[in-house]
Amino acid sequence: MENVSQANQLESIESLQSTIRKLENALSQMTQNGANTTLVKKRLKAVSIGLAVLENVWNQSPYDYTPEDLAAASKVITGLFPSIQTSYAKSKAGSPQRTLLERRMKALKLAVQAIDDLTT
């Protein structure tokens, strides 16, 4: 795993925590509306695993996921990139939305890298 500054580590952890909150809110709304929640649950689990792995790598926090969980999380997170990149392309330069998306992409890339390092 590449060397990541303390500031970037904190930024990435906060970004993933924000993503998790967003997914939890979406899951709650969808459950109330009776919508299919399978995809949101998969994404929530994957991002949670990504956060746990980064916290393990950077802060030696324990995590309790199997190699299968890690592989599935890496695949789901990787699948998020096209939609994030599309939103990024539509956002205005210098906007808060673009900054949020940049941080989210960076955090998710680091999570995938950390997961892949653990599984290979």
PDB file of N, CA and C in Angstrom:
ATOM      1  N   MET A   1       0.854  -1.183   0.000  1.00  0.00           N
ATOM      2  CA  MET A   1       0.000   0.000   0.000  1.00  0.00           C
ATOM      3  C   MET A   1       0.890   1.232   0.000  1.00  0.00           C
ATOM      4  N   GLU A   2       0.493   2.208  -0.795  1.00  0.00           N
ATOM      5  CA  GLU A   2       1.276   3.443  -0.908  1.00  0.00           C
ATOM      6  C   GLU A   2       1.287   4.197   0.413  1.00  0.00           C
ATOM      7  N   ASN A   3       2.333   5.026   0.603  1.00  0.00           N
ATOM      8  CA  ASN A   3       2.389   5.871   1.781  1.00  0.00           C
ATOM      9  C   ASN A   3       1.366   6.987   1.625  1.00  0.00           C
ATOM     10  N   VAL A   4       0.567   7.178   2.661  1.00  0.00           N
ATOM     11  CA  VAL A   4      -0.490   8.183   2.639  1.00  0.00           C
ATOM     12  C   VAL A   4      -0.279   9.093   3.841  1.00  0.00           C
ATOM     13  N   SER A   5      -0.296  10.400   3.605  1.00  0.00           N
ATOM     14  CA  SER A   5      -0.072  11.346   4.695  1.00  0.00           C
ATOM     15  C   SER A   5      -1.182  11.225   5.745  1.00  0.00           C
ATOM     16  N   GLN A   6      -0.867  11.659   6.942  1.00  0.00           N
ATOM     17  CA  GLN A   6      -1.841  11.635   8.038  1.00  0.00           C
ATOM     18  C   GLN A   6      -3.103  12.406   7.659  1.00  0.00           C
ATOM     19  N   ALA A   7      -2.933  13.552   6.995  1.00  0.00           N
ATOM     20  CA  ALA A   7      -4.087  14.367   6.596  1.00  0.00           C
ATOM     21  C   ALA A   7      -4.954  13.614   5.592  1.00  0.00           C
ATOM     22  N   ASN A   8      -4.336  12.949   4.624  1.00  0.00           N
ATOM     23  CA  ASN A   8      -5.097  12.184   3.639  1.00  0.00           C
ATOM     24  C   ASN A   8      -5.762  10.962   4.261  1.00  0.00           C
ATOM     25  N   GLN A   9      -5.109  10.364   5.250  1.00  0.00           N
ATOM     26  CA  GLN A   9      -5.724   9.239   5.963  1.00  0.00           C
ATOM     27  C   GLN A   9      -7.002   9.698   6.650  1.00  0.00           C
ATOM     28  N   LEU A  10      -6.916  10.807   7.370  1.00  0.00           N
ATOM     29  CA  LEU A  10      -8.079  11.341   8.082  1.00  0.00           C
ATOM     30  C   LEU A  10      -9.185  11.717   7.106  1.00  0.00           C
ATOM     31  N   GLU A  11      -8.812  12.373   6.015  1.00  0.00           N
ATOM     32  CA  GLU A  11      -9.771  12.775   4.989  1.00  0.00           C
ATOM     33  C   GLU A  11     -10.479  11.545   4.396  1.00  0.00           C
ATOM     34  N   SER A  12      -9.715  10.493   4.135  1.00  0.00           N
ATOM     35  CA  SER A  12     -10.279   9.278   3.549  1.00  0.00           C
ATOM     36  C   SER A  12     -11.223   8.577   4.519  1.00  0.00           C
ATOM     37  N   ILE A  13     -10.830   8.496   5.768  1.00  0.00           N
ATOM     38  CA  ILE A  13     -11.693   7.862   6.777  1.00  0.00           C
ATOM     39  C   ILE A  13     -12.988   8.658   6.928  1.00  0.00           C
ATOM     40  N   GLU A  14     -12.878   9.981   6.993  1.00  0.00           N
ATOM     41  CA  GLU A  14     -14.080  10.818   7.113  1.00  0.00           C
ATOM     42  C   GLU A  14     -14.967  10.683   5.876  1.00  0.00           C
ATOM     43  N   SER A  15     -14.363  10.582   4.708  1.00  0.00           N
ATOM     44  CA  SER A  15     -15.133  10.439   3.474  1.00  0.00           C
ATOM     45  C   SER A  15     -15.906   9.121   3.474  1.00  0.00           C
ATOM     46  N   LEU A  16     -15.255   8.048   3.884  1.00  0.00           N
ATOM     47  CA  LEU A  16     -15.943   6.758   3.923  1.00  0.00           C
ATOM     48  C   LEU A  16     -17.038   6.750   4.998  1.00  0.00           C
ATOM     49  N   GLN A  17     -16.782   7.395   6.132  1.00  0.00           N
ATOM     50  CA  GLN A  17     -17.826   7.499   7.163  1.00  0.00           C
ATOM     51  C   GLN A  17     -19.026   8.267   6.627  1.00  0.00           C
ATOM     52  N   SER A  18     -18.775   9.328   5.877  1.00  0.00           N
ATOM     53  CA  SER A  18     -19.855  10.108   5.264  1.00  0.00           C
ATOM     54  C   SER A  18     -20.619   9.260   4.253  1.00  0.00           C
ATOM     55  N   THR A  19     -19.903   8.482   3.465  1.00  0.00           N
ATOM     56  CA  THR A  19     -20.535   7.606   2.475  1.00  0.00           C
ATOM     57  C   THR A  19     -21.410   6.578   3.166  1.00  0.00           C
ATOM     58  N   ILE A  20     -20.931   6.043   4.274  1.00  0.00           N
ATOM     59  CA  ILE A  20     -21.709   5.065   5.042  1.00  0.00           C
ATOM     60  C   ILE A  20     -22.990   5.700   5.572  1.00  0.00           C
ATOM     61  N   ARG A  21     -22.884   6.915   6.117  1.00  0.00           N
ATOM     62  CA  ARG A  21     -24.087   7.614   6.609  1.00  0.00           C
ATOM     63  C   ARG A  21     -25.081   7.834   5.477  1.00  0.00           C
ATOM     64  N   LYS A  22     -24.585   8.229   4.317  1.00  0.00           N
ATOM     65  CA  LYS A  22     -25.444   8.455   3.156  1.00  0.00           C
ATOM     66  C   LYS A  22     -26.159   7.160   2.765  1.00  0.00           C
ATOM     67  N   LEU A  23     -25.438   6.058   2.745  1.00  0.00           N
ATOM     68  CA  LEU A  23     -26.034   4.769   2.395  1.00  0.00           C
ATOM     69  C   LEU A  23     -27.030   4.306   3.457  1.00  0.00           C
ATOM     70  N   GLU A  24     -26.726   4.558   4.729  1.00  0.00           N
ATOM     71  CA  GLU A  24     -27.663   4.198   5.804  1.00  0.00           C
ATOM     72  C   GLU A  24     -28.961   4.988   5.671  1.00  0.00           C
ATOM     73  N   ASN A  25     -28.843   6.273   5.348  1.00  0.00           N
ATOM     74  CA  ASN A  25     -30.041   7.090   5.152  1.00  0.00           C
ATOM     75  C   ASN A  25     -30.847   6.601   3.956  1.00  0.00           C
ATOM     76  N   ALA A  26     -30.160   6.260   2.884  1.00  0.00           N
ATOM     77  CA  ALA A  26     -30.849   5.739   1.695  1.00  0.00           C
ATOM     78  C   ALA A  26     -31.552   4.428   2.024  1.00  0.00           C
ATOM     79  N   LEU A  27     -30.887   3.567   2.776  1.00  0.00           N
ATOM     80  CA  LEU A  27     -31.481   2.288   3.162  1.00  0.00           C
ATOM     81  C   LEU A  27     -32.731   2.507   4.004  1.00  0.00           C
ATOM     82  N   SER A  28     -32.663   3.431   4.932  1.00  0.00           N
ATOM     83  CA  SER A  28     -33.811   3.738   5.779  1.00  0.00           C
ATOM     84  C   SER A  28     -34.983   4.239   4.947  1.00  0.00           C
ATOM     85  N   GLN A  29     -34.709   5.178   4.045  1.00  0.00           N
ATOM     86  CA  GLN A  29     -35.761   5.732   3.180  1.00  0.00           C
ATOM     87  C   GLN A  29     -36.375   4.649   2.300  1.00  0.00           C
ATOM     88  N   MET A  30     -35.518   3.832   1.715  1.00  0.00           N
ATOM     89  CA  MET A  30     -36.001   2.789   0.806  1.00  0.00           C
ATOM     90  C   MET A  30     -36.810   1.735   1.557  1.00  0.00           C
ATOM     91  N   THR A  31     -36.404   1.422   2.774  1.00  0.00           N
ATOM     92  CA  THR A  31     -37.138   0.452   3.584  1.00  0.00           C
ATOM     93  C   THR A  31     -38.527   0.994   3.908  1.00  0.00           C
ATOM     94  N   GLN A  32     -38.593   2.278   4.274  1.00  0.00           N
ATOM     95  CA  GLN A  32     -39.882   2.904   4.573  1.00  0.00           C
ATOM     96  C   GLN A  32     -40.797   2.907   3.353  1.00  0.00           C
ATOM     97  N   ASN A  33     -40.211   3.072   2.179  1.00  0.00           N
ATOM     98  CA  ASN A  33     -40.996   3.138   0.944  1.00  0.00           C
ATOM     99  C   ASN A  33     -41.263   1.769   0.336  1.00  0.00           C
ATOM    100  N   GLY A  34     -40.734   0.736   0.963  1.00  0.00           N
ATOM    101  CA  GLY A  34     -40.952  -0.611   0.457  1.00  0.00           C
ATOM    102  C   GLY A  34     -40.171  -0.933  -0.803  1.00  0.00           C
ATOM    103  N   ALA A  35     -39.114  -0.189  -1.074  1.00  0.00           N
ATOM    104  CA  ALA A  35     -38.307  -0.416  -2.274  1.00  0.00           C
ATOM    105  C   ALA A  35     -37.326  -1.570  -2.044  1.00  0.00           C
ATOM    106  N   ASN A  36     -36.798  -2.098  -3.125  1.00  0.00           N
ATOM    107  CA  ASN A  36     -35.804  -3.164  -3.055  1.00  0.00           C
ATOM    108  C   ASN A  36     -34.494  -2.577  -2.520  1.00  0.00           C
ATOM    109  N   THR A  37     -33.984  -3.140  -1.431  1.00  0.00           N
ATOM    110  CA  THR A  37     -32.808  -2.588  -0.762  1.00  0.00           C
ATOM    111  C   THR A  37     -31.546  -3.423  -0.966  1.00  0.00           C
ATOM    112  N   THR A  38     -31.598  -4.439  -1.801  1.00  0.00           N
ATOM    113  CA  THR A  38     -30.475  -5.362  -1.965  1.00  0.00           C
ATOM    114  C   THR A  38     -29.189  -4.640  -2.359  1.00  0.00           C
ATOM    115  N   LEU A  39     -29.259  -3.785  -3.363  1.00  0.00           N
ATOM    116  CA  LEU A  39     -28.066  -3.092  -3.858  1.00  0.00           C
ATOM    117  C   LEU A  39     -27.488  -2.154  -2.806  1.00  0.00           C
ATOM    118  N   VAL A  40     -28.339  -1.412  -2.130  1.00  0.00           N
ATOM    119  CA  VAL A  40     -27.860  -0.477  -1.103  1.00  0.00           C
ATOM    120  C   VAL A  40     -27.212  -1.247   0.048  1.00  0.00           C
ATOM    121  N   LYS A  41     -27.791  -2.368   0.433  1.00  0.00           N
ATOM    122  CA  LYS A  41     -27.205  -3.184   1.500  1.00  0.00           C
ATOM    123  C   LYS A  41     -25.825  -3.698   1.096  1.00  0.00           C
ATOM    124  N   LYS A  42     -25.693  -4.131  -0.158  1.00  0.00           N
ATOM    125  CA  LYS A  42     -24.396  -4.612  -0.666  1.00  0.00           C
ATOM    126  C   LYS A  42     -23.359  -3.502  -0.626  1.00  0.00           C
ATOM    127  N   ARG A  43     -23.764  -2.332  -1.085  1.00  0.00           N
ATOM    128  CA  ARG A  43     -22.838  -1.199  -1.105  1.00  0.00           C
ATOM    129  C   ARG A  43     -22.457  -0.767   0.310  1.00  0.00           C
ATOM    130  N   LEU A  44     -23.428  -0.741   1.206  1.00  0.00           N
ATOM    131  CA  LEU A  44     -23.169  -0.366   2.594  1.00  0.00           C
ATOM    132  C   LEU A  44     -22.170  -1.326   3.231  1.00  0.00           C
ATOM    133  N   LYS A  45     -22.376  -2.613   3.017  1.00  0.00           N
ATOM    134  CA  LYS A  45     -21.445  -3.606   3.576  1.00  0.00           C
ATOM    135  C   LYS A  45     -20.055  -3.439   2.975  1.00  0.00           C
ATOM    136  N   ALA A  46     -19.979  -3.229   1.668  1.00  0.00           N
ATOM    137  CA  ALA A  46     -18.685  -3.092   0.995  1.00  0.00           C
ATOM    138  C   ALA A  46     -17.914  -1.871   1.495  1.00  0.00           C
ATOM    139  N   VAL A  47     -18.590  -0.736   1.608  1.00  0.00           N
ATOM    140  CA  VAL A  47     -17.917   0.485   2.062  1.00  0.00           C
ATOM    141  C   VAL A  47     -17.522   0.351   3.538  1.00  0.00           C
ATOM    142  N   SER A  48     -18.355  -0.319   4.330  1.00  0.00           N
ATOM    143  CA  SER A  48     -18.015  -0.562   5.738  1.00  0.00           C
ATOM    144  C   SER A  48     -16.766  -1.429   5.846  1.00  0.00           C
ATOM    145  N   ILE A  49     -16.681  -2.440   4.999  1.00  0.00           N
ATOM    146  CA  ILE A  49     -15.488  -3.296   4.985  1.00  0.00           C
ATOM    147  C   ILE A  49     -14.271  -2.477   4.551  1.00  0.00           C
ATOM    148  N   GLY A  50     -14.437  -1.641   3.529  1.00  0.00           N
ATOM    149  CA  GLY A  50     -13.338  -0.783   3.084  1.00  0.00           C
ATOM    150  C   GLY A  50     -12.832   0.115   4.193  1.00  0.00           C
ATOM    151  N   LEU A  51     -13.743   0.709   4.941  1.00  0.00           N
ATOM    152  CA  LEU A  51     -13.367   1.556   6.068  1.00  0.00           C
ATOM    153  C   LEU A  51     -12.627   0.739   7.128  1.00  0.00           C
ATOM    154  N   ALA A  52     -13.142  -0.434   7.461  1.00  0.00           N
ATOM    155  CA  ALA A  52     -12.516  -1.280   8.478  1.00  0.00           C
ATOM    156  C   ALA A  52     -11.095  -1.677   8.076  1.00  0.00           C
ATOM    157  N   VAL A  53     -10.909  -1.977   6.799  1.00  0.00           N
ATOM    158  CA  VAL A  53      -9.582  -2.375   6.328  1.00  0.00           C
ATOM    159  C   VAL A  53      -8.610  -1.196   6.385  1.00  0.00           C
ATOM    160  N   LEU A  54      -9.053  -0.014   5.958  1.00  0.00           N
ATOM    161  CA  LEU A  54      -8.175   1.154   6.052  1.00  0.00           C
ATOM    162  C   LEU A  54      -7.819   1.461   7.499  1.00  0.00           C
ATOM    163  N   GLU A  55      -8.797   1.372   8.389  1.00  0.00           N
ATOM    164  CA  GLU A  55      -8.511   1.613   9.810  1.00  0.00           C
ATOM    165  C   GLU A  55      -7.555   0.558  10.351  1.00  0.00           C
ATOM    166  N   ASN A  56      -7.647  -0.662   9.837  1.00  0.00           N
ATOM    167  CA  ASN A  56      -6.724  -1.718  10.235  1.00  0.00           C
ATOM    168  C   ASN A  56      -5.308  -1.402   9.761  1.00  0.00           C
ATOM    169  N   VAL A  57      -5.183  -1.001   8.501  1.00  0.00           N
ATOM    170  CA  VAL A  57      -3.866  -0.722   7.930  1.00  0.00           C
ATOM    171  C   VAL A  57      -3.223   0.482   8.615  1.00  0.00           C
ATOM    172  N   TRP A  58      -3.996   1.540   8.818  1.00  0.00           N
ATOM    173  CA  TRP A  58      -3.427   2.782   9.336  1.00  0.00           C
ATOM    174  C   TRP A  58      -3.409   2.867  10.862  1.00  0.00           C
ATOM    175  N   ASN A  59      -4.387   2.265  11.528  1.00  0.00           N
ATOM    176  CA  ASN A  59      -4.508   2.411  12.989  1.00  0.00           C
ATOM    177  C   ASN A  59      -4.454   1.085  13.730  1.00  0.00           C
ATOM    178  N   GLN A  60      -4.200  -0.007  13.010  1.00  0.00           N
ATOM    179  CA  GLN A  60      -4.150  -1.349  13.578  1.00  0.00           C
ATOM    180  C   GLN A  60      -5.446  -1.729  14.299  1.00  0.00           C
ATOM    181  N   SER A  61      -6.562  -1.196  13.843  1.00  0.00           N
ATOM    182  CA  SER A  61      -7.868  -1.566  14.393  1.00  0.00           C
ATOM    183  C   SER A  61      -8.238  -2.949  13.862  1.00  0.00           C
ATOM    184  N   PRO A  62      -8.772  -3.809  14.720  1.00  0.00           N
ATOM    185  CA  PRO A  62      -9.127  -5.152  14.243  1.00  0.00           C
ATOM    186  C   PRO A  62     -10.371  -5.122  13.348  1.00  0.00           C
ATOM    187  N   TYR A  63     -10.478  -6.114  12.492  1.00  0.00           N
ATOM    188  CA  TYR A  63     -11.688  -6.284  11.690  1.00  0.00           C
ATOM    189  C   TYR A  63     -11.991  -7.773  11.637  1.00  0.00           C
ATOM    190  N   ASP A  64     -13.242  -8.095  11.349  1.00  0.00           N
ATOM    191  CA  ASP A  64     -13.676  -9.486  11.398  1.00  0.00           C
ATOM    192  C   ASP A  64     -14.358  -9.868  10.086  1.00  0.00           C
ATOM    193  N   TYR A  65     -13.593  -9.863   9.002  1.00  0.00           N
ATOM    194  CA  TYR A  65     -14.151 -10.206   7.696  1.00  0.00           C
ATOM    195  C   TYR A  65     -13.340 -11.330   7.076  1.00  0.00           C
ATOM    196  N   THR A  66     -14.026 -12.183   6.361  1.00  0.00           N
ATOM    197  CA  THR A  66     -13.384 -13.317   5.694  1.00  0.00           C
ATOM    198  C   THR A  66     -12.750 -12.859   4.382  1.00  0.00           C
ATOM    199  N   PRO A  67     -11.851 -13.655   3.831  1.00  0.00           N
ATOM    200  CA  PRO A  67     -11.297 -13.312   2.511  1.00  0.00           C
ATOM    201  C   PRO A  67     -12.387 -13.186   1.444  1.00  0.00           C
ATOM    202  N   GLU A  68     -13.443 -13.967   1.569  1.00  0.00           N
ATOM    203  CA  GLU A  68     -14.563 -13.872   0.618  1.00  0.00           C
ATOM    204  C   GLU A  68     -15.271 -12.527   0.748  1.00  0.00           C
ATOM    205  N   ASP A  69     -15.475 -12.081   2.013  1.00  0.00           N
ATOM    206  CA  ASP A  69     -16.079 -10.766   2.254  1.00  0.00           C
ATOM    207  C   ASP A  69     -15.221  -9.668   1.621  1.00  0.00           C
ATOM    208  N   LEU A  70     -13.906  -9.776   1.805  1.00  0.00           N
ATOM    209  CA  LEU A  70     -12.990  -8.769   1.280  1.00  0.00           C
ATOM    210  C   LEU A  70     -13.027  -8.736  -0.245  1.00  0.00           C
ATOM    211  N   ALA A  71     -13.012  -9.899  -0.868  1.00  0.00           N
ATOM    212  CA  ALA A  71     -13.047  -9.959  -2.337  1.00  0.00           C
ATOM    213  C   ALA A  71     -14.347  -9.374  -2.881  1.00  0.00           C
ATOM    214  N   ALA A  72     -15.469  -9.709  -2.234  1.00  0.00           N
ATOM    215  CA  ALA A  72     -16.761  -9.184  -2.663  1.00  0.00           C
ATOM    216  C   ALA A  72     -16.805  -7.665  -2.492  1.00  0.00           C
ATOM    217  N   ALA A  73     -16.269  -7.173  -1.377  1.00  0.00           N
ATOM    218  CA  ALA A  73     -16.260  -5.726  -1.124  1.00  0.00           C
ATOM    219  C   ALA A  73     -15.441  -4.999  -2.175  1.00  0.00           C
ATOM    220  N   SER A  74     -14.295  -5.544  -2.525  1.00  0.00           N
ATOM    221  CA  SER A  74     -13.442  -4.924  -3.540  1.00  0.00           C
ATOM    222  C   SER A  74     -14.185  -4.811  -4.867  1.00  0.00           C
ATOM    223  N   LYS A  75     -14.897  -5.872  -5.229  1.00  0.00           N
ATOM    224  CA  LYS A  75     -15.639  -5.889  -6.490  1.00  0.00           C
ATOM    225  C   LYS A  75     -16.777  -4.855  -6.474  1.00  0.00           C
ATOM    226  N   VAL A  76     -17.524  -4.789  -5.375  1.00  0.00           N
ATOM    227  CA  VAL A  76     -18.641  -3.839  -5.268  1.00  0.00           C
ATOM    228  C   VAL A  76     -18.123  -2.400  -5.298  1.00  0.00           C
ATOM    229  N   ILE A  77     -17.059  -2.128  -4.544  1.00  0.00           N
ATOM    230  CA  ILE A  77     -16.503  -0.765  -4.508  1.00  0.00           C
ATOM    231  C   ILE A  77     -16.005  -0.362  -5.899  1.00  0.00           C
ATOM    232  N   THR A  78     -15.322  -1.268  -6.570  1.00  0.00           N
ATOM    233  CA  THR A  78     -14.835  -0.987  -7.920  1.00  0.00           C
ATOM    234  C   THR A  78     -16.001  -0.654  -8.850  1.00  0.00           C
ATOM    235  N   GLY A  79     -17.126  -1.305  -8.638  1.00  0.00           N
ATOM    236  CA  GLY A  79     -18.312  -1.049  -9.441  1.00  0.00           C
ATOM    237  C   GLY A  79     -18.942   0.319  -9.213  1.00  0.00           C
ATOM    238  N   LEU A  80     -18.556   0.994  -8.133  1.00  0.00           N
ATOM    239  CA  LEU A  80     -19.082   2.327  -7.843  1.00  0.00           C
ATOM    240  C   LEU A  80     -18.401   3.423  -8.664  1.00  0.00           C
ATOM    241  N   PHE A  81     -17.191   3.162  -9.134  1.00  0.00           N
ATOM    242  CA  PHE A  81     -16.413   4.205  -9.790  1.00  0.00           C
ATOM    243  C   PHE A  81     -17.073   4.829 -11.022  1.00  0.00           C
ATOM    244  N   PRO A  82     -17.665   4.054 -11.935  1.00  0.00           N
ATOM    245  CA  PRO A  82     -18.256   4.707 -13.109  1.00  0.00           C
ATOM    246  C   PRO A  82     -19.312   5.759 -12.765  1.00  0.00           C
ATOM    247  N   SER A  83     -20.188   5.478 -11.811  1.00  0.00           N
ATOM    248  CA  SER A  83     -21.226   6.459 -11.480  1.00  0.00           C
ATOM    249  C   SER A  83     -20.639   7.674 -10.763  1.00  0.00           C
ATOM    250  N   ILE A  84     -19.627   7.459  -9.930  1.00  0.00           N
ATOM    251  CA  ILE A  84     -18.984   8.590  -9.257  1.00  0.00           C
ATOM    252  C   ILE A  84     -18.266   9.455 -10.291  1.00  0.00           C
ATOM    253  N   GLN A  85     -17.591   8.814 -11.256  1.00  0.00           N
ATOM    254  CA  GLN A  85     -16.878   9.566 -12.289  1.00  0.00           C
ATOM    255  C   GLN A  85     -17.847  10.355 -13.167  1.00  0.00           C
ATOM    256  N   THR A  86     -19.023   9.792 -13.430  1.00  0.00           N
ATOM    257  CA  THR A  86     -20.035  10.509 -14.210  1.00  0.00           C
ATOM    258  C   THR A  86     -20.501  11.751 -13.454  1.00  0.00           C
ATOM    259  N   SER A  87     -20.784  11.596 -12.159  1.00  0.00           N
ATOM    260  CA  SER A  87     -21.185  12.744 -11.336  1.00  0.00           C
ATOM    261  C   SER A  87     -20.072  13.778 -11.277  1.00  0.00           C
ATOM    262  N   TYR A  88     -18.837  13.304 -11.170  1.00  0.00           N
ATOM    263  CA  TYR A  88     -17.685  14.196 -11.109  1.00  0.00           C
ATOM    264  C   TYR A  88     -17.584  15.021 -12.394  1.00  0.00           C
ATOM    265  N   ALA A  89     -17.765  14.366 -13.525  1.00  0.00           N
ATOM    266  CA  ALA A  89     -17.665  15.051 -14.822  1.00  0.00           C
ATOM    267  C   ALA A  89     -18.738  16.127 -14.965  1.00  0.00           C
ATOM    268  N   LYS A  90     -19.885  15.913 -14.339  1.00  0.00           N
ATOM    269  CA  LYS A  90     -20.978  16.885 -14.423  1.00  0.00           C
ATOM    270  C   LYS A  90     -20.838  18.030 -13.414  1.00  0.00           C
ATOM    271  N   SER A  91     -19.999  17.852 -12.414  1.00  0.00           N
ATOM    272  CA  SER A  91     -19.868  18.870 -11.371  1.00  0.00           C
ATOM    273  C   SER A  91     -18.984  20.024 -11.847  1.00  0.00           C
ATOM    274  N   LYS A  92     -19.186  21.182 -11.232  1.00  0.00           N
ATOM    275  CA  LYS A  92     -18.435  22.372 -11.609  1.00  0.00           C
ATOM    276  C   LYS A  92     -17.092  22.391 -10.899  1.00  0.00           C
ATOM    277  N   ALA A  93     -16.065  22.851 -11.615  1.00  0.00           N
ATOM    278  CA  ALA A  93     -14.725  22.969 -11.033  1.00  0.00           C
ATOM    279  C   ALA A  93     -14.775  23.863  -9.802  1.00  0.00           C
ATOM    280  N   GLY A  94     -14.141  23.406  -8.741  1.00  0.00           N
ATOM    281  CA  GLY A  94     -14.081  24.194  -7.516  1.00  0.00           C
ATOM    282  C   GLY A  94     -15.312  24.104  -6.637  1.00  0.00           C
ATOM    283  N   SER A  95     -16.327  23.357  -7.059  1.00  0.00           N
ATOM    284  CA  SER A  95     -17.555  23.265  -6.263  1.00  0.00           C
ATOM    285  C   SER A  95     -17.358  22.298  -5.094  1.00  0.00           C
ATOM    286  N   PRO A  96     -18.121  22.499  -4.014  1.00  0.00           N
ATOM    287  CA  PRO A  96     -18.046  21.569  -2.887  1.00  0.00           C
ATOM    288  C   PRO A  96     -18.380  20.132  -3.305  1.00  0.00           C
ATOM    289  N   GLN A  97     -19.308  19.987  -4.238  1.00  0.00           N
ATOM    290  CA  GLN A  97     -19.689  18.656  -4.716  1.00  0.00           C
ATOM    291  C   GLN A  97     -18.492  17.961  -5.374  1.00  0.00           C
ATOM    292  N   ARG A  98     -17.745  18.704  -6.167  1.00  0.00           N
ATOM    293  CA  ARG A  98     -16.582  18.121  -6.848  1.00  0.00           C
ATOM    294  C   ARG A  98     -15.525  17.712  -5.821  1.00  0.00           C
ATOM    295  N   THR A  99     -15.305  18.541  -4.822  1.00  0.00           N
ATOM    296  CA  THR A  99     -14.342  18.214  -3.769  1.00  0.00           C
ATOM    297  C   THR A  99     -14.764  16.944  -3.042  1.00  0.00           C
ATOM    298  N   LEU A 100     -16.042  16.841  -2.704  1.00  0.00           N
ATOM    299  CA  LEU A 100     -16.562  15.652  -2.030  1.00  0.00           C
ATOM    300  C   LEU A 100     -16.336  14.413  -2.898  1.00  0.00           C
ATOM    301  N   LEU A 101     -16.631  14.510  -4.183  1.00  0.00           N
ATOM    302  CA  LEU A 101     -16.462  13.373  -5.088  1.00  0.00           C
ATOM    303  C   LEU A 101     -14.994  12.991  -5.260  1.00  0.00           C
ATOM    304  N   GLU A 102     -14.108  13.988  -5.313  1.00  0.00           N
ATOM    305  CA  GLU A 102     -12.664  13.707  -5.400  1.00  0.00           C
ATOM    306  C   GLU A 102     -12.207  12.926  -4.176  1.00  0.00           C
ATOM    307  N   ARG A 103     -12.634  13.378  -3.008  1.00  0.00           N
ATOM    308  CA  ARG A 103     -12.242  12.702  -1.768  1.00  0.00           C
ATOM    309  C   ARG A 103     -12.832  11.298  -1.692  1.00  0.00           C
ATOM    310  N   ARG A 104     -14.079  11.157  -2.142  1.00  0.00           N
ATOM    311  CA  ARG A 104     -14.728   9.849  -2.121  1.00  0.00           C
ATOM    312  C   ARG A 104     -14.003   8.870  -3.047  1.00  0.00           C
ATOM    313  N   MET A 105     -13.665   9.332  -4.247  1.00  0.00           N
ATOM    314  CA  MET A 105     -12.945   8.455  -5.188  1.00  0.00           C
ATOM    315  C   MET A 105     -11.586   8.044  -4.622  1.00  0.00           C
ATOM    316  N   LYS A 106     -10.880   9.005  -4.056  1.00  0.00           N
ATOM    317  CA  LYS A 106      -9.561   8.713  -3.490  1.00  0.00           C
ATOM    318  C   LYS A 106      -9.683   7.702  -2.347  1.00  0.00           C
ATOM    319  N   ALA A 107     -10.658   7.911  -1.461  1.00  0.00           N
ATOM    320  CA  ALA A 107     -10.849   7.015  -0.315  1.00  0.00           C
ATOM    321  C   ALA A 107     -11.221   5.606  -0.783  1.00  0.00           C
ATOM    322  N   LEU A 108     -12.104   5.528  -1.762  1.00  0.00           N
ATOM    323  CA  LEU A 108     -12.520   4.220  -2.261  1.00  0.00           C
ATOM    324  C   LEU A 108     -11.369   3.513  -2.980  1.00  0.00           C
ATOM    325  N   LYS A 109     -10.559   4.258  -3.722  1.00  0.00           N
ATOM    326  CA  LYS A 109      -9.389   3.655  -4.379  1.00  0.00           C
ATOM    327  C   LYS A 109      -8.408   3.121  -3.341  1.00  0.00           C
ATOM    328  N   LEU A 110      -8.188   3.878  -2.281  1.00  0.00           N
ATOM    329  CA  LEU A 110      -7.297   3.417  -1.212  1.00  0.00           C
ATOM    330  C   LEU A 110      -7.865   2.171  -0.529  1.00  0.00           C
ATOM    331  N   ALA A 111      -9.178   2.146  -0.340  1.00  0.00           N
ATOM    332  CA  ALA A 111      -9.813   0.982   0.283  1.00  0.00           C
ATOM    333  C   ALA A 111      -9.638  -0.256  -0.591  1.00  0.00           C
ATOM    334  N   VAL A 112      -9.858  -0.113  -1.892  1.00  0.00           N
ATOM    335  CA  VAL A 112      -9.686  -1.246  -2.806  1.00  0.00           C
ATOM    336  C   VAL A 112      -8.227  -1.702  -2.794  1.00  0.00           C
ATOM    337  N   GLN A 113      -7.306  -0.755  -2.806  1.00  0.00           N
ATOM    338  CA  GLN A 113      -5.879  -1.098  -2.782  1.00  0.00           C
ATOM    339  C   GLN A 113      -5.537  -1.859  -1.497  1.00  0.00           C
ATOM    340  N   ALA A 114      -6.040  -1.398  -0.363  1.00  0.00           N
ATOM    341  CA  ALA A 114      -5.764  -2.059   0.917  1.00  0.00           C
ATOM    342  C   ALA A 114      -6.373  -3.454   0.947  1.00  0.00           C
ATOM    343  N   ILE A 115      -7.603  -3.583   0.456  1.00  0.00           N
ATOM    344  CA  ILE A 115      -8.252  -4.897   0.418  1.00  0.00           C
ATOM    345  C   ILE A 115      -7.466  -5.844  -0.482  1.00  0.00           C
ATOM    346  N   ASP A 116      -7.094  -5.361  -1.664  1.00  0.00           N
ATOM    347  CA  ASP A 116      -6.354  -6.200  -2.601  1.00  0.00           C
ATOM    348  C   ASP A 116      -4.995  -6.605  -2.032  1.00  0.00           C
ATOM    349  N   ASP A 117      -4.348  -5.711  -1.290  1.00  0.00           N
ATOM    350  CA  ASP A 117      -3.082  -6.051  -0.648  1.00  0.00           C
ATOM    351  C   ASP A 117      -3.262  -7.179   0.382  1.00  0.00           C
ATOM    352  N   LEU A 118      -4.394  -7.167   1.069  1.00  0.00           N
ATOM    353  CA  LEU A 118      -4.656  -8.208   2.071  1.00  0.00           C
ATOM    354  C   LEU A 118      -5.005  -9.541   1.455  1.00  0.00           C
ATOM    355  N   THR A 119      -5.615  -9.516   0.285  1.00  0.00           N
ATOM    356  CA  THR A 119      -6.108 -10.764  -0.311  1.00  0.00           C
ATOM    357  C   THR A 119      -5.123 -11.386  -1.293  1.00  0.00           C
ATOM    358  N   THR A 120      -4.009 -10.706  -1.548  1.00  0.00           N
ATOM    359  CA  THR A 120      -3.020 -11.297  -2.477  1.00  0.00           C
ATOM    360  C   THR A 120      -1.760 -11.708  -1.760  1.00  0.00           C
TER     361      THR A 120
END
